[in-house]
Amino acid sequence: MRAGTFGCGAIFALLLLAVLPAAASPWAEVGDNQLRSDLDLLNASGVIREVTIQWPLPWQSIRARLDNSNLAAQSPAVRAAASRLLALARAGTASGVSGGFYLDATNRPGLVYGFDGMGRGDGQAQLSLGLNSGIFSGRVSLGAISRDFSGKSTKLMPDGTYLAARLGGALVYAGYLDHWWGPGQISTLQLSNNARPMPQVGIQRSSTAASSWPVLRWLGPWQFEFFVSAFDGQQIQSDVYYNAARLSISPLPGLELAASKTEQFCGQGHPCSPLRDYFTNFDFSNHPDNVNGEGSFEFKYSGAAAGVPFQVYGQLMNEDYSFASSSGSNYLAGASLFVPTGANPVKLTVEYADTVATRTMFGFDNHIYGYTYNNGQYPDGMRYRGRTLGFSLDNDATLLSVMGGWSDGGGRYYQLSLHHATLMTPRTPPNSNILTTQRVLLNQAEARISLPLTLDGRGFKLDLAGRLQDDQPRPHKGFAAAVEVALRAPL
């Protein structure tokens, strides 16, 4: 695809947007930190009780809880968050034909790619057309992504395309969907939106409401999801597939717990017996297996102290299943506080992520280097199209982050972030981290603003970001600066 085609696609998207409303979907999707902050504030304030550590989230349950919530005694900040979230929930569940577009351009994509990550390349343009009829919904999203605005590096991008059907209490879907499995605000270890979504077929609950069965009622609000996807595109090893299963529960008000399992299976040169290998890999022994698996355990607690909402959370990911002798464990921990500042509290978050694997769980003085996301049987590792499926800084890396975000009375969202990152250790094997050829320590600062815009009665959203960092992944060195601009119609 040539650069000229990329530009024509962007112009076509802009023209078509003039006659189409914003697109709806059955999910609150990955990528909007203002939406997530509002949901966290309502959870911590006790207004609603929702599962928030597994994205995308079904709009059906969010809207039902908001419609039944009592906001009369709540602060102006909580009422404003509920109003923004309810407007999005109503738009997401509205029936009809819809459409939208997304444009993104930057001179340097972000190194730290969080929940609200912007472009994965130097330029993206995408057009989306959707249909929501209650039982059935779908969206076709077509566009292009370029690494350097050249024809040679420009690829077709169907990300966000899906077809879904609500069957009883289940939502069955197929397409290209982003996931964020974990409580982290800036990073998650096992499955994130850092890599582009793979083609997948899956099932999840259409609502996170508590079960009516007495034996399961203690779970509280809960969500289960399972999907199977394929590593298409350029891979060292062909015919590799991926499965992912996750259960998230809220057994007590404010408390969320989750466990998930993901695997690479089959592949060129491998015996391919998915069912046998899937259940064999549950036995937590030390025997060799035919898959590359990861398991994750997480918690999140939201509440209020002296009237100030807060949340604390953690994640443990194991690359192996033998907890006693070789777990290959990785860690993430964080906390957020909604600092009261009049009608618009500031959400302050401190978070630390570490993918220098320890040999056993909590054996912090015994490391396995070059281990996380890598596997001898699967040379591509847990990566897709050149990006890690989980933590954006890949293997043998640490990230300490401080982030502040807040909304103003006009619906604008502001965010400031500071990151201190270490990529590779002195003992990391060569070529085991895909971002850098040598060890590097760097600091990055990012400022971002999201502006809701109205043109001819139609809603747009403009995101502006600026980034500064004092060093770069090798072989590059030295100071680097970046600006990024994104324009979208809400989907």
Protein backbone atom coordinates (compact mmCIF):
# COMPACT_ATOMS: atom_id res chain seq x y z
CA MET A 1 0.00 0.00 0.00
CA ARG A 2 1.41 3.39 -1.00
CA ALA A 3 1.44 6.57 1.05
CA GLY A 4 -0.98 8.14 -1.44
CA THR A 5 -3.51 5.43 -0.66
CA PHE A 6 -3.08 6.16 3.05
CA GLY A 7 -3.92 9.84 2.48
CA CYS A 8 -6.90 9.10 0.25
CA GLY A 9 -8.29 6.77 2.91
CA ALA A 10 -8.09 9.52 5.52
CA ILE A 11 -9.89 12.01 3.25
CA PHE A 12 -12.59 9.44 2.47
CA ALA A 13 -13.10 8.82 6.19
CA LEU A 14 -13.58 12.53 6.85
CA LEU A 15 -16.12 12.89 4.04
CA LEU A 16 -18.13 9.87 5.09
CA LEU A 17 -18.18 10.96 8.73
CA ALA A 18 -20.19 14.03 7.74
CA VAL A 19 -23.26 11.87 7.09
CA LEU A 20 -22.93 9.23 9.82
CA PRO A 21 -23.49 9.33 13.59
CA ALA A 22 -20.93 8.06 16.09
CA ALA A 23 -20.63 4.27 16.28
CA ALA A 24 -22.02 2.22 19.18
CA SER A 25 -20.90 -1.16 20.52
CA PRO A 26 -22.02 -3.54 23.29
CA TRP A 27 -18.81 -2.88 25.24
CA ALA A 28 -17.04 -0.12 27.06
CA GLU A 29 -13.81 -0.64 25.15
CA VAL A 30 -10.16 -0.30 26.05
CA GLY A 31 -8.56 3.11 25.56
CA ASP A 32 -10.49 5.83 27.39
CA ASN A 33 -8.87 6.86 30.69
CA GLN A 34 -11.58 9.40 31.49
CA LEU A 35 -14.24 6.69 31.23
CA ARG A 36 -12.15 4.35 33.39
CA SER A 37 -11.48 7.05 35.98
CA ASP A 38 -15.19 7.84 36.22
CA LEU A 39 -16.01 4.16 36.67
CA ASP A 40 -13.32 3.79 39.36
CA LEU A 41 -14.64 6.84 41.22
CA LEU A 42 -18.20 5.49 41.22
CA ASN A 43 -16.98 2.08 42.40
CA ALA A 44 -14.81 3.54 45.19
CA SER A 45 -17.65 5.84 46.29
CA GLY A 46 -20.04 2.89 46.58
CA VAL A 47 -22.46 4.23 43.95
CA ILE A 48 -22.14 1.11 41.81
CA ARG A 49 -20.47 -2.28 42.19
CA GLU A 50 -18.88 -3.26 38.90
CA VAL A 51 -16.06 -5.53 37.71
CA THR A 52 -13.35 -3.14 36.49
CA ILE A 53 -10.27 -5.36 36.06
CA GLN A 54 -11.37 -7.03 32.83
CA TRP A 55 -11.90 -5.01 29.65
CA PRO A 56 -13.93 -4.64 27.49
CA LEU A 57 -16.87 -4.27 29.90
CA PRO A 58 -20.50 -4.85 28.84
CA TRP A 59 -22.50 -1.63 28.71
CA GLN A 60 -25.64 -3.56 29.66
CA SER A 61 -24.64 -4.01 33.31
CA ILE A 62 -23.05 -0.56 33.65
CA ARG A 63 -26.22 1.13 32.44
CA ALA A 64 -28.46 -1.01 34.65
CA ARG A 65 -26.44 -0.07 37.73
CA LEU A 66 -26.39 3.62 36.86
CA ASP A 67 -30.13 3.69 36.17
CA ASN A 68 -30.74 2.21 39.64
CA SER A 69 -28.20 4.31 41.53
CA ASN A 70 -29.10 6.96 44.10
CA LEU A 71 -26.95 10.06 43.53
CA ALA A 72 -28.86 12.54 45.68
CA ALA A 73 -26.41 12.37 48.59
CA GLN A 74 -23.28 12.18 46.44
CA SER A 75 -20.73 14.93 45.80
CA PRO A 76 -20.84 17.06 42.62
CA ALA A 77 -17.76 15.18 41.36
CA VAL A 78 -19.49 11.80 41.67
CA ARG A 79 -22.66 13.12 40.03
CA ALA A 80 -20.64 14.57 37.13
CA ALA A 81 -18.82 11.24 36.64
CA ALA A 82 -22.13 9.36 36.69
CA SER A 83 -23.61 11.77 34.13
CA ARG A 84 -20.67 11.31 31.73
CA LEU A 85 -20.72 7.54 32.12
CA LEU A 86 -24.48 7.25 31.71
CA ALA A 87 -24.36 9.29 28.48
CA LEU A 88 -21.74 6.89 27.10
CA ALA A 89 -23.73 3.85 28.23
CA ARG A 90 -26.88 5.10 26.52
CA ALA A 91 -24.96 5.82 23.32
CA GLY A 92 -23.30 2.40 23.48
CA THR A 93 -26.60 0.57 23.82
CA ALA A 94 -28.52 2.63 21.24
CA SER A 95 -29.90 0.73 18.25
CA GLY A 96 -29.28 1.71 14.65
CA VAL A 97 -26.58 2.19 12.02
CA SER A 98 -23.54 4.18 13.05
CA GLY A 99 -20.11 5.21 11.91
CA GLY A 100 -16.95 6.98 12.88
CA PHE A 101 -13.30 7.50 12.11
CA TYR A 102 -9.95 7.71 13.81
CA LEU A 103 -6.82 9.58 12.73
CA ASP A 104 -3.50 9.60 14.59
CA ALA A 105 -0.11 11.07 13.72
CA THR A 106 3.15 11.38 15.66
CA ASN A 107 6.87 11.75 15.04
CA ARG A 108 7.61 9.04 17.65
CA PRO A 109 5.12 6.48 19.05
CA GLY A 110 4.98 6.25 22.85
CA LEU A 111 7.46 3.85 24.47
CA VAL A 112 5.23 3.30 27.53
CA TYR A 113 1.93 2.11 26.09
CA GLY A 114 -0.81 2.19 28.72
CA PHE A 115 -4.55 1.61 28.89
CA ASP A 116 -5.09 4.87 26.98
CA GLY A 117 -2.31 4.22 24.45
CA MET A 118 -2.65 6.24 21.25
CA GLY A 119 -1.12 5.22 17.91
CA ARG A 120 1.06 2.13 17.55
CA GLY A 121 2.77 3.62 14.49
CA ASP A 122 3.71 7.01 13.14
CA GLY A 123 0.37 7.33 11.37
CA GLN A 124 -3.05 5.66 11.43
CA ALA A 125 -6.32 6.30 9.62
CA GLN A 126 -9.41 4.18 10.09
CA LEU A 127 -13.07 4.26 9.10
CA SER A 128 -15.73 2.34 11.04
CA LEU A 129 -19.33 1.43 10.15
CA GLY A 130 -21.47 -0.30 12.75
CA LEU A 131 -24.89 -1.81 13.38
CA ASN A 132 -26.52 -2.40 16.76
CA SER A 133 -29.91 -4.13 16.88
CA GLY A 134 -30.04 -5.34 20.46
CA ILE A 135 -29.44 -9.06 19.91
CA PHE A 136 -26.94 -8.63 17.07
CA SER A 137 -24.26 -6.01 16.69
CA GLY A 138 -21.28 -5.61 14.44
CA ARG A 139 -18.71 -3.19 13.13
CA VAL A 140 -16.44 -3.06 10.13
CA SER A 141 -13.29 -1.01 10.75
CA LEU A 142 -10.86 -0.63 7.90
CA GLY A 143 -7.81 1.59 7.68
CA ALA A 144 -4.06 1.68 7.49
CA ILE A 145 -1.14 1.97 9.87
CA SER A 146 2.29 3.26 8.88
CA ARG A 147 5.59 3.14 10.75
CA ASP A 148 7.23 5.93 8.76
CA PHE A 149 4.55 7.30 6.37
CA SER A 150 6.08 5.31 3.52
CA GLY A 151 4.25 2.96 1.21
CA LYS A 152 6.55 0.05 2.08
CA SER A 153 5.75 0.15 5.80
CA THR A 154 1.99 0.79 5.53
CA LYS A 155 -0.28 -2.11 6.47
CA LEU A 156 -4.02 -2.75 6.27
CA MET A 157 -5.63 -2.42 9.72
CA PRO A 158 -8.97 -4.15 10.50
CA ASP A 159 -8.61 -3.53 14.27
CA GLY A 160 -11.96 -3.06 16.01
CA THR A 161 -13.94 -5.10 13.47
CA TYR A 162 -16.33 -7.55 15.14
CA LEU A 163 -19.63 -9.43 14.90
CA ALA A 164 -21.44 -10.27 18.14
CA ALA A 165 -24.68 -11.96 19.16
CA ARG A 166 -26.34 -11.92 22.58
CA LEU A 167 -27.57 -15.45 23.29
CA GLY A 168 -29.28 -15.63 26.65
CA GLY A 169 -26.76 -14.34 29.16
CA ALA A 170 -23.79 -14.81 26.84
CA LEU A 171 -22.19 -12.58 24.25
CA VAL A 172 -20.59 -14.58 21.43
CA TYR A 173 -18.23 -12.63 19.20
CA ALA A 174 -15.67 -12.84 16.41
CA GLY A 175 -13.31 -10.16 15.17
CA TYR A 176 -10.36 -8.02 16.23
CA LEU A 177 -10.87 -6.75 19.79
CA ASP A 178 -8.45 -5.16 22.25
CA HIS A 179 -8.31 -6.60 25.77
CA TRP A 180 -6.91 -5.29 29.04
CA TRP A 181 -6.72 -8.00 31.66
CA GLY A 182 -5.50 -6.59 34.94
CA PRO A 183 -5.98 -3.88 37.56
CA GLY A 184 -3.05 -1.76 36.39
CA GLN A 185 -3.75 1.78 35.21
CA ILE A 186 -0.51 2.13 33.21
CA SER A 187 0.63 -1.45 32.61
CA THR A 188 -0.63 -5.01 32.77
CA LEU A 189 1.51 -8.11 32.51
CA GLN A 190 -0.41 -10.80 30.66
CA LEU A 191 -2.73 -9.29 28.05
CA SER A 192 -3.02 -5.64 27.06
CA ASN A 193 -3.65 -3.35 24.11
CA ASN A 194 0.11 -2.89 23.49
CA ALA A 195 0.01 -5.23 20.48
CA ARG A 196 -2.61 -4.97 17.79
CA PRO A 197 -5.55 -7.34 18.34
CA MET A 198 -5.35 -10.77 16.75
CA PRO A 199 -8.28 -12.33 14.84
CA GLN A 200 -10.31 -14.11 17.51
CA VAL A 201 -13.52 -15.97 18.36
CA GLY A 202 -14.79 -15.77 21.92
CA ILE A 203 -17.57 -15.77 24.48
CA GLN A 204 -18.20 -13.70 27.61
CA ARG A 205 -21.14 -12.83 29.85
CA SER A 206 -23.35 -10.08 28.44
CA SER A 207 -23.80 -8.68 31.95
CA THR A 208 -21.67 -8.82 35.09
CA ALA A 209 -24.72 -9.11 37.37
CA ALA A 210 -24.48 -11.48 40.33
CA SER A 211 -25.75 -14.99 39.76
CA SER A 212 -29.26 -15.90 40.89
CA TRP A 213 -28.10 -19.43 41.78
CA PRO A 214 -27.63 -19.71 45.57
CA VAL A 215 -24.43 -21.72 45.15
CA LEU A 216 -22.85 -18.94 43.04
CA ARG A 217 -24.41 -15.89 44.67
CA TRP A 218 -21.34 -15.39 46.90
CA LEU A 219 -19.29 -14.48 43.79
CA GLY A 220 -21.08 -11.13 43.58
CA PRO A 221 -20.81 -9.39 40.21
CA TRP A 222 -18.68 -11.60 37.98
CA GLN A 223 -17.39 -11.98 34.45
CA PHE A 224 -16.00 -14.94 32.52
CA GLU A 225 -14.41 -14.82 29.10
CA PHE A 226 -12.76 -17.35 26.80
CA PHE A 227 -11.41 -16.76 23.31
CA VAL A 228 -9.19 -18.41 20.72
CA SER A 229 -7.11 -16.42 18.27
CA ALA A 230 -4.47 -16.92 15.58
CA PHE A 231 -1.00 -15.44 15.19
CA ASP A 232 -1.39 -14.34 11.59
CA GLY A 233 1.01 -12.06 9.74
CA GLN A 234 4.77 -12.46 9.64
CA GLN A 235 5.95 -14.95 12.27
CA ILE A 236 9.10 -17.04 12.66
CA GLN A 237 6.89 -20.05 13.34
CA SER A 238 3.68 -20.50 11.38
CA ASP A 239 0.30 -21.95 12.40
CA VAL A 240 0.52 -20.86 16.04
CA TYR A 241 -2.73 -20.25 17.95
CA TYR A 242 -3.58 -18.60 21.25
CA ASN A 243 -6.28 -19.23 23.83
CA ALA A 244 -7.22 -17.11 26.83
CA ALA A 245 -9.59 -17.75 29.74
CA ARG A 246 -10.40 -15.42 32.62
CA LEU A 247 -12.71 -15.28 35.63
CA SER A 248 -13.22 -12.02 37.56
CA ILE A 249 -15.40 -11.79 40.68
CA SER A 250 -16.41 -9.23 43.33
CA PRO A 251 -17.30 -11.33 46.42
CA LEU A 252 -17.35 -8.30 48.76
CA PRO A 253 -18.19 -4.64 48.10
CA GLY A 254 -15.06 -2.95 46.77
CA LEU A 255 -13.07 -6.19 46.42
CA GLU A 256 -12.27 -7.67 43.00
CA LEU A 257 -10.35 -10.90 42.38
CA ALA A 258 -9.35 -12.45 39.06
CA ALA A 259 -7.47 -15.43 37.63
CA SER A 260 -6.59 -16.02 34.00
CA LYS A 261 -4.71 -18.46 31.82
CA THR A 262 -3.31 -17.85 28.32
CA GLU A 263 -1.45 -20.22 26.00
CA GLN A 264 0.27 -20.47 22.68
CA PHE A 265 -0.42 -23.89 21.16
CA CYS A 266 0.02 -25.95 18.00
CA GLY A 267 2.44 -24.36 15.53
CA GLN A 268 4.84 -25.59 12.89
CA GLY A 269 6.77 -28.62 14.15
CA HIS A 270 4.52 -29.13 17.21
CA PRO A 271 2.03 -31.88 17.92
CA CYS A 272 -1.39 -30.24 17.86
CA SER A 273 -3.80 -31.66 20.44
CA PRO A 274 -5.40 -28.53 21.95
CA LEU A 275 -7.81 -30.19 24.41
CA ARG A 276 -5.26 -32.70 25.74
CA ASP A 277 -2.55 -30.08 26.14
CA TYR A 278 -4.91 -27.51 27.69
CA PHE A 279 -5.98 -29.73 30.57
CA THR A 280 -2.57 -31.37 30.99
CA ASN A 281 -1.14 -27.94 31.64
CA PHE A 282 -3.38 -27.48 34.68
CA ASP A 283 -1.57 -30.06 36.80
CA PHE A 284 1.09 -27.64 38.18
CA SER A 285 3.89 -30.21 37.79
CA ASN A 286 7.41 -29.86 36.45
CA HIS A 287 7.00 -31.98 33.32
CA PRO A 288 7.64 -30.58 29.83
CA ASP A 289 4.54 -29.57 27.90
CA ASN A 290 3.63 -28.71 24.33
CA VAL A 291 2.35 -25.20 24.98
CA ASN A 292 3.70 -21.82 26.10
CA GLY A 293 1.46 -20.82 28.97
CA GLU A 294 1.02 -17.93 31.38
CA GLY A 295 -1.16 -17.66 34.48
CA SER A 296 -2.18 -14.49 36.32
CA PHE A 297 -3.72 -13.76 39.74
CA GLU A 298 -4.96 -10.29 40.65
CA PHE A 299 -6.74 -8.26 43.27
CA LYS A 300 -8.15 -4.76 43.49
CA TYR A 301 -9.78 -3.05 46.43
CA SER A 302 -11.75 0.19 46.09
CA GLY A 303 -13.11 2.18 48.99
CA ALA A 304 -13.06 5.50 50.81
CA ALA A 305 -11.07 6.71 53.83
CA ALA A 306 -12.18 9.93 55.56
CA GLY A 307 -14.41 10.56 52.56
CA VAL A 308 -11.54 10.25 50.05
CA PRO A 309 -12.00 7.47 47.44
CA PHE A 310 -8.99 5.23 46.81
CA GLN A 311 -7.96 1.90 45.31
CA VAL A 312 -5.04 -0.50 45.79
CA TYR A 313 -4.22 -3.37 43.47
CA GLY A 314 -1.69 -6.02 42.53
CA GLN A 315 -0.96 -8.64 39.89
CA LEU A 316 1.19 -11.79 39.91
CA MET A 317 1.93 -13.48 36.57
CA ASN A 318 3.63 -16.86 36.28
CA GLU A 319 5.29 -18.09 33.10
CA ASP A 320 5.33 -21.67 34.46
CA TYR A 321 2.91 -23.68 36.58
CA SER A 322 5.25 -25.44 39.00
CA PHE A 323 4.93 -23.01 41.91
CA ALA A 324 7.45 -24.81 44.11
CA SER A 325 10.40 -25.19 41.73
CA SER A 326 9.96 -22.89 38.72
CA SER A 327 7.14 -20.38 38.48
CA GLY A 328 8.89 -17.61 36.49
CA SER A 329 6.96 -14.95 38.42
CA ASN A 330 6.43 -11.28 37.50
CA TYR A 331 4.83 -8.53 39.56
CA LEU A 332 2.75 -5.35 39.37
CA ALA A 333 1.46 -3.21 42.23
CA GLY A 334 -0.20 0.17 42.44
CA ALA A 335 -2.51 2.54 44.27
CA SER A 336 -4.76 5.45 43.29
CA LEU A 337 -6.24 8.29 45.33
CA PHE A 338 -8.97 10.72 44.26
CA VAL A 339 -7.65 13.96 45.75
CA PRO A 340 -10.57 16.34 46.37
CA THR A 341 -10.15 19.61 44.47
CA GLY A 342 -13.57 21.23 44.43
CA ALA A 343 -15.96 19.64 41.96
CA ASN A 344 -13.21 17.88 39.98
CA PRO A 345 -10.99 15.49 41.96
CA VAL A 346 -7.52 14.60 40.72
CA LYS A 347 -6.88 10.88 40.39
CA LEU A 348 -3.26 10.28 41.47
CA THR A 349 -1.76 6.87 40.67
CA VAL A 350 1.55 5.30 41.64
CA GLU A 351 2.37 2.02 39.92
CA TYR A 352 5.33 -0.36 39.63
CA ALA A 353 5.74 -3.23 37.15
CA ASP A 354 8.59 -5.75 36.98
CA THR A 355 9.21 -8.44 34.34
CA VAL A 356 12.59 -9.65 35.66
CA ALA A 357 11.22 -13.10 36.49
CA THR A 358 11.88 -14.72 39.85
CA ARG A 359 12.43 -18.48 39.83
CA THR A 360 9.73 -19.07 42.43
CA MET A 361 6.84 -17.01 43.71
CA PHE A 362 8.17 -14.31 46.02
CA GLY A 363 11.75 -15.59 45.68
CA PHE A 364 12.92 -12.05 45.00
CA ASP A 365 16.64 -12.88 45.31
CA ASN A 366 16.58 -15.67 42.69
CA HIS A 367 15.98 -14.45 39.15
CA ILE A 368 15.70 -16.08 35.73
CA TYR A 369 16.96 -13.65 33.10
CA GLY A 370 15.55 -13.38 29.58
CA TYR A 371 12.62 -15.58 30.58
CA THR A 372 9.39 -13.57 30.52
CA TYR A 373 7.48 -13.66 27.20
CA ASN A 374 10.21 -15.91 25.69
CA ASN A 375 9.98 -19.65 25.08
CA GLY A 376 12.34 -22.20 23.53
CA GLN A 377 9.51 -24.01 21.69
CA TYR A 378 7.90 -20.81 20.38
CA PRO A 379 10.64 -18.48 19.02
CA ASP A 380 8.26 -15.53 18.55
CA GLY A 381 7.29 -15.67 22.20
CA MET A 382 4.21 -13.89 23.53
CA ARG A 383 4.43 -11.20 20.87
CA TYR A 384 2.36 -10.23 17.85
CA ARG A 385 3.42 -8.12 14.89
CA GLY A 386 6.53 -6.92 16.71
CA ARG A 387 4.88 -5.92 20.01
CA THR A 388 4.47 -7.73 23.33
CA LEU A 389 1.01 -9.02 24.22
CA GLY A 390 1.42 -7.86 27.82
CA PHE A 391 3.83 -5.30 29.32
CA SER A 392 4.84 -2.65 26.79
CA LEU A 393 8.53 -2.67 27.88
CA ASP A 394 8.81 -6.42 27.23
CA ASN A 395 11.15 -8.78 29.06
CA ASP A 396 13.55 -8.00 31.95
CA ALA A 397 12.20 -4.47 32.41
CA THR A 398 10.91 -2.37 35.30
CA LEU A 399 8.66 0.67 35.24
CA LEU A 400 7.86 3.07 38.08
CA SER A 401 5.12 5.54 37.15
CA VAL A 402 3.28 8.46 38.72
CA MET A 403 0.19 9.70 36.89
CA GLY A 404 -2.41 12.37 37.58
CA GLY A 405 -5.66 12.80 35.67
CA TRP A 406 -8.71 15.03 36.11
CA SER A 407 -11.77 16.33 34.26
CA ASP A 408 -13.03 19.89 34.24
CA GLY A 409 -16.58 21.22 34.08
CA GLY A 410 -16.51 21.27 30.27
CA GLY A 411 -15.75 17.57 29.96
CA ARG A 412 -12.10 18.11 29.07
CA TYR A 413 -9.67 15.55 30.47
CA TYR A 414 -6.08 16.35 31.47
CA GLN A 415 -3.31 13.91 32.28
CA LEU A 416 0.33 14.18 33.41
CA SER A 417 2.63 11.16 33.69
CA LEU A 418 6.20 10.57 34.85
CA HIS A 419 7.93 7.26 34.13
CA HIS A 420 11.25 5.81 35.25
CA ALA A 421 12.11 2.72 33.20
CA THR A 422 14.90 0.16 33.13
CA LEU A 423 15.14 -1.98 30.01
CA MET A 424 17.25 -5.17 30.38
CA THR A 425 19.67 -6.02 33.17
CA PRO A 426 23.44 -6.68 33.01
CA ARG A 427 22.61 -10.41 32.96
CA THR A 428 19.86 -10.33 30.34
CA PRO A 429 20.75 -12.56 27.34
CA PRO A 430 21.22 -10.75 23.99
CA ASN A 431 18.14 -10.30 21.78
CA SER A 432 15.68 -11.31 24.50
CA ASN A 433 14.08 -7.84 24.75
CA ILE A 434 12.63 -6.69 21.42
CA LEU A 435 12.86 -2.97 22.25
CA THR A 436 16.57 -2.54 22.94
CA THR A 437 19.88 -4.19 22.15
CA GLN A 438 21.53 -3.12 25.42
CA ARG A 439 20.59 -2.14 28.95
CA VAL A 440 19.26 1.41 29.30
CA LEU A 441 17.74 3.54 32.06
CA LEU A 442 15.49 6.38 31.01
CA ASN A 443 12.92 8.85 32.28
CA GLN A 444 9.88 9.99 30.34
CA ALA A 445 7.37 12.76 30.98
CA GLU A 446 4.06 13.02 29.14
CA ALA A 447 1.35 15.69 29.13
CA ARG A 448 -1.98 14.97 27.46
CA ILE A 449 -5.33 16.63 26.99
CA SER A 450 -8.58 15.24 25.55
CA LEU A 451 -10.94 17.86 24.16
CA PRO A 452 -14.59 17.17 23.32
CA LEU A 453 -15.53 19.19 20.24
CA THR A 454 -18.85 19.88 18.55
CA LEU A 455 -19.18 20.61 14.84
CA ASP A 456 -22.60 20.92 13.19
CA GLY A 457 -24.13 19.21 16.21
CA ARG A 458 -21.78 16.24 15.97
CA GLY A 459 -19.39 15.14 18.71
CA PHE A 460 -15.66 14.82 18.08
CA LYS A 461 -12.73 14.18 20.39
CA LEU A 462 -9.28 15.67 19.91
CA ASP A 463 -6.35 14.18 21.84
CA LEU A 464 -3.07 16.10 22.08
CA ALA A 465 0.05 14.63 23.72
CA GLY A 466 3.63 15.77 24.22
CA ARG A 467 6.44 13.50 25.45
CA LEU A 468 10.04 14.10 26.58
CA GLN A 469 12.58 11.43 27.51
CA ASP A 470 16.24 11.68 28.52
CA ASP A 471 17.42 8.55 26.69
CA GLN A 472 16.27 5.98 24.15
CA PRO A 473 16.30 2.20 23.67
CA ARG A 474 19.51 1.12 21.95
CA PRO A 475 20.94 1.43 19.35
CA HIS A 476 19.57 5.00 19.61
CA LYS A 477 20.84 7.32 22.32
CA GLY A 478 20.15 10.67 23.91
CA PHE A 479 17.26 13.07 24.42
CA ALA A 480 14.05 12.57 22.42
CA ALA A 481 10.85 14.58 22.10
CA ALA A 482 7.53 13.67 20.53
CA VAL A 483 4.13 15.16 19.82
CA GLU A 484 1.02 13.20 18.94
CA VAL A 485 -2.38 14.27 17.64
CA ALA A 486 -5.45 12.06 17.37
CA LEU A 487 -8.94 12.92 16.15
CA ARG A 488 -11.86 10.57 16.63
CA ALA A 489 -15.61 10.24 16.73
CA PRO A 490 -16.61 8.12 19.78
CA LEU A 491 -17.48 4.55 18.90
